[in-house]
Amino acid sequence: MGRSGLRYLVVEGPIGVGKTTLVHRLARSLGGQVLLEDADDNPFLDRFYANPGAHGLATQLHFLLQRVAQMEALHQGDLFAPLCIADFMLAKDRLFAEINLTPAELALYHQIHDRIVQATPAPDLVVYLQAPTRVLLERIRRRGRAAEGAIDESYLERLGEAYSRFFLAYHGSPLLIVNAADLDFAHVEEHYGRLLEAILGCPSGRHYFNPGVLP
């Protein structure tokens, strides 16, 4: 694909895998506009992590409305030129709804989703970061966000499985699947450099970046 072919790049993956960190690094390297999911702006998130059954629908609908508004602003402002780098994709919103909501809540969510979600531009490339549950849990605990203190291993396990199913069936954009378990692209320049090279050189279709043994 090359740098000239990228106007809209998305980094995706489960909680704690390093999406936002990678987005910021890519933006500094490539001079892109950053588009971030603002979890801190969701007033229901703390309550959801403490009691998912009671607050799942409110949390999910807030994120849906937030993501739709961000994509509308992005489209209207023509911020895709020259490059936009995001840490979320609207298409995966249903993924969280399906694991967090009851059947009745999910039916209501789908009705609202189908009424408000319009066609959005497809990313030029999606970078899907994967890591085992134990790695995600360790990274979440290390960053010490109060709202994430109640996240447990079983939830991360279900989330990881949902992401795997989603991207197994995803064909909307070129896809680079990255084994991020042993990557430290925040602090180790060789790790980041090799990943950046893979991103910039990724052709169309589905591809994998498995770094093997890294220093």
C-alpha atoms as a PDB file:
ATOM      1  CA  MET A   1       0.000   0.000   0.000  1.00  0.00           C
ATOM      2  CA  GLY A   2       2.681   2.482   0.958  1.00  0.00           C
ATOM      3  CA  ARG A   3       2.393   5.767   2.832  1.00  0.00           C
ATOM      4  CA  SER A   4       0.761   7.591  -0.098  1.00  0.00           C
ATOM      5  CA  GLY A   5      -2.175   5.170  -0.085  1.00  0.00           C
ATOM      6  CA  LEU A   6      -3.134   5.802   3.529  1.00  0.00           C
ATOM      7  CA  ARG A   7      -5.723   8.437   4.345  1.00  0.00           C
ATOM      8  CA  TYR A   8      -7.744   6.620   7.025  1.00  0.00           C
ATOM      9  CA  LEU A   9      -5.952   4.148   9.300  1.00  0.00           C
ATOM     10  CA  VAL A  10      -7.615   2.336  12.216  1.00  0.00           C
ATOM     11  CA  VAL A  11      -5.898   0.535  15.098  1.00  0.00           C
ATOM     12  CA  GLU A  12      -8.212  -1.912  16.864  1.00  0.00           C
ATOM     13  CA  GLY A  13      -8.104  -4.563  19.562  1.00  0.00           C
ATOM     14  CA  PRO A  14      -9.332  -5.342  23.079  1.00  0.00           C
ATOM     15  CA  ILE A  15      -8.868  -3.246  26.207  1.00  0.00           C
ATOM     16  CA  GLY A  16      -5.234  -2.955  27.266  1.00  0.00           C
ATOM     17  CA  VAL A  17      -3.652  -4.130  24.024  1.00  0.00           C
ATOM     18  CA  GLY A  18      -2.053  -0.753  23.229  1.00  0.00           C
ATOM     19  CA  LYS A  19      -4.305   0.823  20.588  1.00  0.00           C
ATOM     20  CA  THR A  20      -4.061   4.431  21.726  1.00  0.00           C
ATOM     21  CA  THR A  21      -0.329   4.237  22.366  1.00  0.00           C
ATOM     22  CA  LEU A  22       0.259   2.996  18.836  1.00  0.00           C
ATOM     23  CA  VAL A  23      -2.062   5.627  17.342  1.00  0.00           C
ATOM     24  CA  HIS A  24      -0.080   8.432  18.995  1.00  0.00           C
ATOM     25  CA  ARG A  25       3.235   6.996  17.811  1.00  0.00           C
ATOM     26  CA  LEU A  26       1.959   6.593  14.261  1.00  0.00           C
ATOM     27  CA  ALA A  27       0.626  10.144  14.259  1.00  0.00           C
ATOM     28  CA  ARG A  28       4.017  11.493  15.291  1.00  0.00           C
ATOM     29  CA  SER A  29       5.752   9.456  12.597  1.00  0.00           C
ATOM     30  CA  LEU A  30       3.317  10.112   9.776  1.00  0.00           C
ATOM     31  CA  GLY A  31       1.932  13.536  10.671  1.00  0.00           C
ATOM     32  CA  GLY A  32      -1.635  12.297  10.925  1.00  0.00           C
ATOM     33  CA  GLN A  33      -4.777  13.633  12.569  1.00  0.00           C
ATOM     34  CA  VAL A  34      -5.642  11.589  15.691  1.00  0.00           C
ATOM     35  CA  LEU A  35      -9.204  10.416  16.356  1.00  0.00           C
ATOM     36  CA  LEU A  36      -9.593   8.787  19.776  1.00  0.00           C
ATOM     37  CA  GLU A  37     -12.433   7.056  21.536  1.00  0.00           C
ATOM     38  CA  ASP A  38     -13.043   9.072  24.713  1.00  0.00           C
ATOM     39  CA  ALA A  39     -13.892   6.478  27.359  1.00  0.00           C
ATOM     40  CA  ASP A  40     -13.403   9.028  30.136  1.00  0.00           C
ATOM     41  CA  ASP A  41     -16.342  10.985  28.741  1.00  0.00           C
ATOM     42  CA  ASN A  42     -18.751   8.081  29.289  1.00  0.00           C
ATOM     43  CA  PRO A  43     -20.478   8.725  32.657  1.00  0.00           C
ATOM     44  CA  PHE A  44     -21.755   5.140  32.836  1.00  0.00           C
ATOM     45  CA  LEU A  45     -18.456   3.302  32.375  1.00  0.00           C
ATOM     46  CA  ASP A  46     -17.367   3.130  36.023  1.00  0.00           C
ATOM     47  CA  ARG A  47     -20.782   1.801  36.991  1.00  0.00           C
ATOM     48  CA  PHE A  48     -20.723  -0.700  34.126  1.00  0.00           C
ATOM     49  CA  TYR A  49     -17.439  -2.242  35.241  1.00  0.00           C
ATOM     50  CA  ALA A  50     -18.795  -2.506  38.800  1.00  0.00           C
ATOM     51  CA  ASN A  51     -22.217  -3.859  37.742  1.00  0.00           C
ATOM     52  CA  PRO A  52     -22.381  -4.773  34.038  1.00  0.00           C
ATOM     53  CA  GLY A  53     -25.917  -6.124  34.153  1.00  0.00           C
ATOM     54  CA  ALA A  54     -27.404  -2.890  35.452  1.00  0.00           C
ATOM     55  CA  HIS A  55     -25.519  -0.430  33.280  1.00  0.00           C
ATOM     56  CA  GLY A  56     -24.676  -2.232  30.041  1.00  0.00           C
ATOM     57  CA  LEU A  57     -27.323  -0.634  27.851  1.00  0.00           C
ATOM     58  CA  ALA A  58     -26.683   2.953  28.971  1.00  0.00           C
ATOM     59  CA  THR A  59     -22.931   2.482  28.553  1.00  0.00           C
ATOM     60  CA  GLN A  60     -23.318   0.963  25.102  1.00  0.00           C
ATOM     61  CA  LEU A  61     -25.718   3.606  23.816  1.00  0.00           C
ATOM     62  CA  HIS A  62     -23.468   6.412  25.045  1.00  0.00           C
ATOM     63  CA  PHE A  63     -20.522   4.931  23.159  1.00  0.00           C
ATOM     64  CA  LEU A  64     -22.659   4.421  20.055  1.00  0.00           C
ATOM     65  CA  LEU A  65     -23.833   8.046  20.018  1.00  0.00           C
ATOM     66  CA  GLN A  66     -20.299   9.282  20.711  1.00  0.00           C
ATOM     67  CA  ARG A  67     -18.812   7.230  17.882  1.00  0.00           C
ATOM     68  CA  VAL A  68     -21.503   8.275  15.426  1.00  0.00           C
ATOM     69  CA  ALA A  69     -20.949  11.960  16.280  1.00  0.00           C
ATOM     70  CA  GLN A  70     -17.180  11.590  15.852  1.00  0.00           C
ATOM     71  CA  MET A  71     -17.552   9.942  12.458  1.00  0.00           C
ATOM     72  CA  GLU A  72     -20.054  12.590  11.306  1.00  0.00           C
ATOM     73  CA  ALA A  73     -17.716  15.398  12.376  1.00  0.00           C
ATOM     74  CA  LEU A  74     -14.829  13.668  10.670  1.00  0.00           C
ATOM     75  CA  HIS A  75     -16.739  13.331   7.418  1.00  0.00           C
ATOM     76  CA  GLN A  76     -18.151  16.866   7.444  1.00  0.00           C
ATOM     77  CA  GLY A  77     -14.793  18.405   8.277  1.00  0.00           C
ATOM     78  CA  ASP A  78     -12.961  16.446   5.585  1.00  0.00           C
ATOM     79  CA  LEU A  79     -10.339  15.487   8.137  1.00  0.00           C
ATOM     80  CA  PHE A  80      -9.363  12.448   6.110  1.00  0.00           C
ATOM     81  CA  ALA A  81      -6.885  14.643   4.252  1.00  0.00           C
ATOM     82  CA  PRO A  82      -4.066  13.967   4.426  1.00  0.00           C
ATOM     83  CA  LEU A  83      -4.281  11.211   7.081  1.00  0.00           C
ATOM     84  CA  CYS A  84      -6.572  10.277   9.978  1.00  0.00           C
ATOM     85  CA  ILE A  85      -5.485   7.647  12.518  1.00  0.00           C
ATOM     86  CA  ALA A  86      -8.189   6.306  14.861  1.00  0.00           C
ATOM     87  CA  ASP A  87      -8.208   3.911  17.815  1.00  0.00           C
ATOM     88  CA  PHE A  88     -11.711   2.626  17.082  1.00  0.00           C
ATOM     89  CA  MET A  89     -13.963   1.662  14.202  1.00  0.00           C
ATOM     90  CA  LEU A  90     -17.703   2.153  14.277  1.00  0.00           C
ATOM     91  CA  ALA A  91     -18.332  -1.270  12.765  1.00  0.00           C
ATOM     92  CA  LYS A  92     -17.127  -3.003  15.939  1.00  0.00           C
ATOM     93  CA  ASP A  93     -19.699  -1.274  18.169  1.00  0.00           C
ATOM     94  CA  ARG A  94     -22.025  -4.255  17.772  1.00  0.00           C
ATOM     95  CA  LEU A  95     -19.280  -6.509  19.112  1.00  0.00           C
ATOM     96  CA  PHE A  96     -19.492  -4.968  22.579  1.00  0.00           C
ATOM     97  CA  ALA A  97     -23.283  -4.864  22.463  1.00  0.00           C
ATOM     98  CA  GLU A  98     -23.483  -8.577  21.759  1.00  0.00           C
ATOM     99  CA  ILE A  99     -21.390  -9.566  24.758  1.00  0.00           C
ATOM    100  CA  ASN A 100     -22.688  -6.956  27.235  1.00  0.00           C
ATOM    101  CA  LEU A 101     -26.445  -6.765  26.658  1.00  0.00           C
ATOM    102  CA  THR A 102     -29.397  -9.048  27.363  1.00  0.00           C
ATOM    103  CA  PRO A 103     -31.425 -10.250  24.359  1.00  0.00           C
ATOM    104  CA  ALA A 104     -34.123  -7.599  24.967  1.00  0.00           C
ATOM    105  CA  GLU A 105     -31.527  -4.847  25.378  1.00  0.00           C
ATOM    106  CA  LEU A 106     -29.689  -6.039  22.280  1.00  0.00           C
ATOM    107  CA  ALA A 107     -32.890  -5.874  20.221  1.00  0.00           C
ATOM    108  CA  LEU A 108     -33.429  -2.273  21.350  1.00  0.00           C
ATOM    109  CA  TYR A 109     -29.784  -1.446  20.640  1.00  0.00           C
ATOM    110  CA  HIS A 110     -30.107  -2.809  17.095  1.00  0.00           C
ATOM    111  CA  GLN A 111     -33.210  -0.695  16.467  1.00  0.00           C
ATOM    112  CA  ILE A 112     -31.409   2.467  17.581  1.00  0.00           C
ATOM    113  CA  HIS A 113     -28.197   1.525  15.760  1.00  0.00           C
ATOM    114  CA  ASP A 114     -29.982   0.924  12.468  1.00  0.00           C
ATOM    115  CA  ARG A 115     -31.799   4.254  12.677  1.00  0.00           C
ATOM    116  CA  ILE A 116     -28.795   6.478  13.398  1.00  0.00           C
ATOM    117  CA  VAL A 117     -25.788   4.815  11.787  1.00  0.00           C
ATOM    118  CA  GLN A 118     -25.183   6.010   8.263  1.00  0.00           C
ATOM    119  CA  ALA A 119     -22.644   4.730   5.775  1.00  0.00           C
ATOM    120  CA  THR A 120     -19.121   5.615   6.866  1.00  0.00           C
ATOM    121  CA  PRO A 121     -15.885   5.532   4.854  1.00  0.00           C
ATOM    122  CA  ALA A 122     -14.023   2.247   5.021  1.00  0.00           C
ATOM    123  CA  PRO A 123     -10.502   2.419   6.464  1.00  0.00           C
ATOM    124  CA  ASP A 124      -7.613   2.116   4.036  1.00  0.00           C
ATOM    125  CA  LEU A 125      -6.078  -0.270   6.568  1.00  0.00           C
ATOM    126  CA  VAL A 126      -7.115  -1.808   9.881  1.00  0.00           C
ATOM    127  CA  VAL A 127      -4.353  -2.875  12.284  1.00  0.00           C
ATOM    128  CA  TYR A 128      -5.789  -5.454  14.690  1.00  0.00           C
ATOM    129  CA  LEU A 129      -3.648  -5.917  17.804  1.00  0.00           C
ATOM    130  CA  GLN A 130      -3.945  -9.265  19.581  1.00  0.00           C
ATOM    131  CA  ALA A 131      -2.604 -10.401  22.952  1.00  0.00           C
ATOM    132  CA  PRO A 132      -3.485 -13.177  25.431  1.00  0.00           C
ATOM    133  CA  THR A 133      -5.837 -12.407  28.289  1.00  0.00           C
ATOM    134  CA  ARG A 134      -3.067 -12.608  30.879  1.00  0.00           C
ATOM    135  CA  VAL A 135      -1.077  -9.947  28.986  1.00  0.00           C
ATOM    136  CA  LEU A 136      -4.105  -7.659  28.685  1.00  0.00           C
ATOM    137  CA  LEU A 137      -4.869  -8.012  32.384  1.00  0.00           C
ATOM    138  CA  GLU A 138      -1.283  -7.234  33.345  1.00  0.00           C
ATOM    139  CA  ARG A 139      -1.224  -4.119  31.159  1.00  0.00           C
ATOM    140  CA  ILE A 140      -4.562  -2.911  32.522  1.00  0.00           C
ATOM    141  CA  ARG A 141      -3.387  -3.353  36.098  1.00  0.00           C
ATOM    142  CA  ARG A 142      -0.094  -1.621  35.311  1.00  0.00           C
ATOM    143  CA  ARG A 143      -1.711   1.532  33.961  1.00  0.00           C
ATOM    144  CA  GLY A 144      -3.911   1.724  37.050  1.00  0.00           C
ATOM    145  CA  ARG A 145      -7.035   3.436  35.771  1.00  0.00           C
ATOM    146  CA  ALA A 146      -9.653   3.486  38.515  1.00  0.00           C
ATOM    147  CA  ALA A 147     -12.536   2.737  36.148  1.00  0.00           C
ATOM    148  CA  GLU A 148     -10.817  -0.449  34.955  1.00  0.00           C
ATOM    149  CA  GLY A 149     -10.125  -1.849  38.406  1.00  0.00           C
ATOM    150  CA  ALA A 150     -13.178  -4.104  38.299  1.00  0.00           C
ATOM    151  CA  ILE A 151     -12.349  -5.703  34.936  1.00  0.00           C
ATOM    152  CA  ASP A 152     -11.811  -9.410  35.464  1.00  0.00           C
ATOM    153  CA  GLU A 153     -10.188 -12.185  33.474  1.00  0.00           C
ATOM    154  CA  SER A 154     -13.471 -13.769  32.334  1.00  0.00           C
ATOM    155  CA  TYR A 155     -14.682 -10.519  30.767  1.00  0.00           C
ATOM    156  CA  LEU A 156     -11.394 -10.040  28.914  1.00  0.00           C
ATOM    157  CA  GLU A 157     -11.562 -13.645  27.739  1.00  0.00           C
ATOM    158  CA  ARG A 158     -15.030 -13.136  26.269  1.00  0.00           C
ATOM    159  CA  LEU A 159     -13.969  -9.836  24.737  1.00  0.00           C
ATOM    160  CA  GLY A 160     -10.926 -11.407  23.101  1.00  0.00           C
ATOM    161  CA  GLU A 161     -13.044 -14.199  21.651  1.00  0.00           C
ATOM    162  CA  ALA A 162     -15.552 -11.660  20.314  1.00  0.00           C
ATOM    163  CA  TYR A 163     -12.769  -9.685  18.625  1.00  0.00           C
ATOM    164  CA  SER A 164     -11.408 -12.872  17.065  1.00  0.00           C
ATOM    165  CA  ARG A 165     -14.826 -13.771  15.645  1.00  0.00           C
ATOM    166  CA  PHE A 166     -15.362 -10.235  14.367  1.00  0.00           C
ATOM    167  CA  PHE A 167     -12.090 -10.028  12.490  1.00  0.00           C
ATOM    168  CA  LEU A 168     -12.326 -13.599  11.228  1.00  0.00           C
ATOM    169  CA  ALA A 169     -15.402 -12.461   9.289  1.00  0.00           C
ATOM    170  CA  TYR A 170     -14.162  -8.930   8.507  1.00  0.00           C
ATOM    171  CA  HIS A 171     -13.476  -8.128   4.851  1.00  0.00           C
ATOM    172  CA  GLY A 172     -14.325  -4.419   4.716  1.00  0.00           C
ATOM    173  CA  SER A 173     -10.716  -3.193   4.453  1.00  0.00           C
ATOM    174  CA  PRO A 174      -7.160  -4.464   4.183  1.00  0.00           C
ATOM    175  CA  LEU A 175      -6.313  -6.048   7.534  1.00  0.00           C
ATOM    176  CA  LEU A 176      -2.994  -6.464   9.347  1.00  0.00           C
ATOM    177  CA  ILE A 177      -3.302  -8.832  12.317  1.00  0.00           C
ATOM    178  CA  VAL A 178      -0.518  -8.182  14.829  1.00  0.00           C
ATOM    179  CA  ASN A 179       0.667 -10.503  17.583  1.00  0.00           C
ATOM    180  CA  ALA A 180       1.286  -7.796  20.185  1.00  0.00           C
ATOM    181  CA  ALA A 181       1.934 -10.079  23.167  1.00  0.00           C
ATOM    182  CA  ASP A 182       5.677  -9.396  23.251  1.00  0.00           C
ATOM    183  CA  LEU A 183       5.731  -6.050  21.449  1.00  0.00           C
ATOM    184  CA  ASP A 184       6.660  -2.931  23.377  1.00  0.00           C
ATOM    185  CA  PHE A 185       6.173  -0.303  20.685  1.00  0.00           C
ATOM    186  CA  ALA A 186       5.917   2.414  23.334  1.00  0.00           C
ATOM    187  CA  HIS A 187       9.510   2.049  24.551  1.00  0.00           C
ATOM    188  CA  VAL A 188      11.497  -0.248  22.252  1.00  0.00           C
ATOM    189  CA  GLU A 189      12.373   1.470  18.992  1.00  0.00           C
ATOM    190  CA  GLU A 190      13.146  -1.724  17.109  1.00  0.00           C
ATOM    191  CA  HIS A 191       9.710  -3.129  17.950  1.00  0.00           C
ATOM    192  CA  TYR A 192       7.983   0.032  16.774  1.00  0.00           C
ATOM    193  CA  GLY A 193      10.167   0.381  13.693  1.00  0.00           C
ATOM    194  CA  ARG A 194       9.441  -3.125  12.482  1.00  0.00           C
ATOM    195  CA  LEU A 195       5.720  -2.704  13.053  1.00  0.00           C
ATOM    196  CA  LEU A 196       5.702   0.671  11.274  1.00  0.00           C
ATOM    197  CA  GLU A 197       7.464  -0.907   8.312  1.00  0.00           C
ATOM    198  CA  ALA A 198       4.855  -3.674   8.195  1.00  0.00           C
ATOM    199  CA  ILE A 199       2.007  -1.148   8.329  1.00  0.00           C
ATOM    200  CA  LEU A 200       3.405   1.058   5.566  1.00  0.00           C
ATOM    201  CA  GLY A 201       4.193  -1.913   3.364  1.00  0.00           C
ATOM    202  CA  CYS A 202       0.937  -3.799   3.907  1.00  0.00           C
ATOM    203  CA  PRO A 203      -0.779  -4.638   0.605  1.00  0.00           C
ATOM    204  CA  SER A 204      -4.476  -5.322   0.107  1.00  0.00           C
ATOM    205  CA  GLY A 205      -6.025  -8.375   1.713  1.00  0.00           C
ATOM    206  CA  ARG A 206      -5.390 -10.045   5.071  1.00  0.00           C
ATOM    207  CA  HIS A 207      -1.868 -10.224   6.466  1.00  0.00           C
ATOM    208  CA  TYR A 208      -0.118 -11.152   9.713  1.00  0.00           C
ATOM    209  CA  PHE A 209       2.707  -9.590  11.676  1.00  0.00           C
ATOM    210  CA  ASN A 210       4.223 -12.079  14.094  1.00  0.00           C
ATOM    211  CA  PRO A 211       7.555 -10.643  15.222  1.00  0.00           C
ATOM    212  CA  GLY A 212       8.894 -13.837  16.772  1.00  0.00           C
ATOM    213  CA  VAL A 213      11.824 -13.306  19.103  1.00  0.00           C
ATOM    214  CA  LEU A 214      12.526  -9.624  19.662  1.00  0.00           C
ATOM    215  CA  PRO A 215      15.093  -8.002  21.944  1.00  0.00           C
END
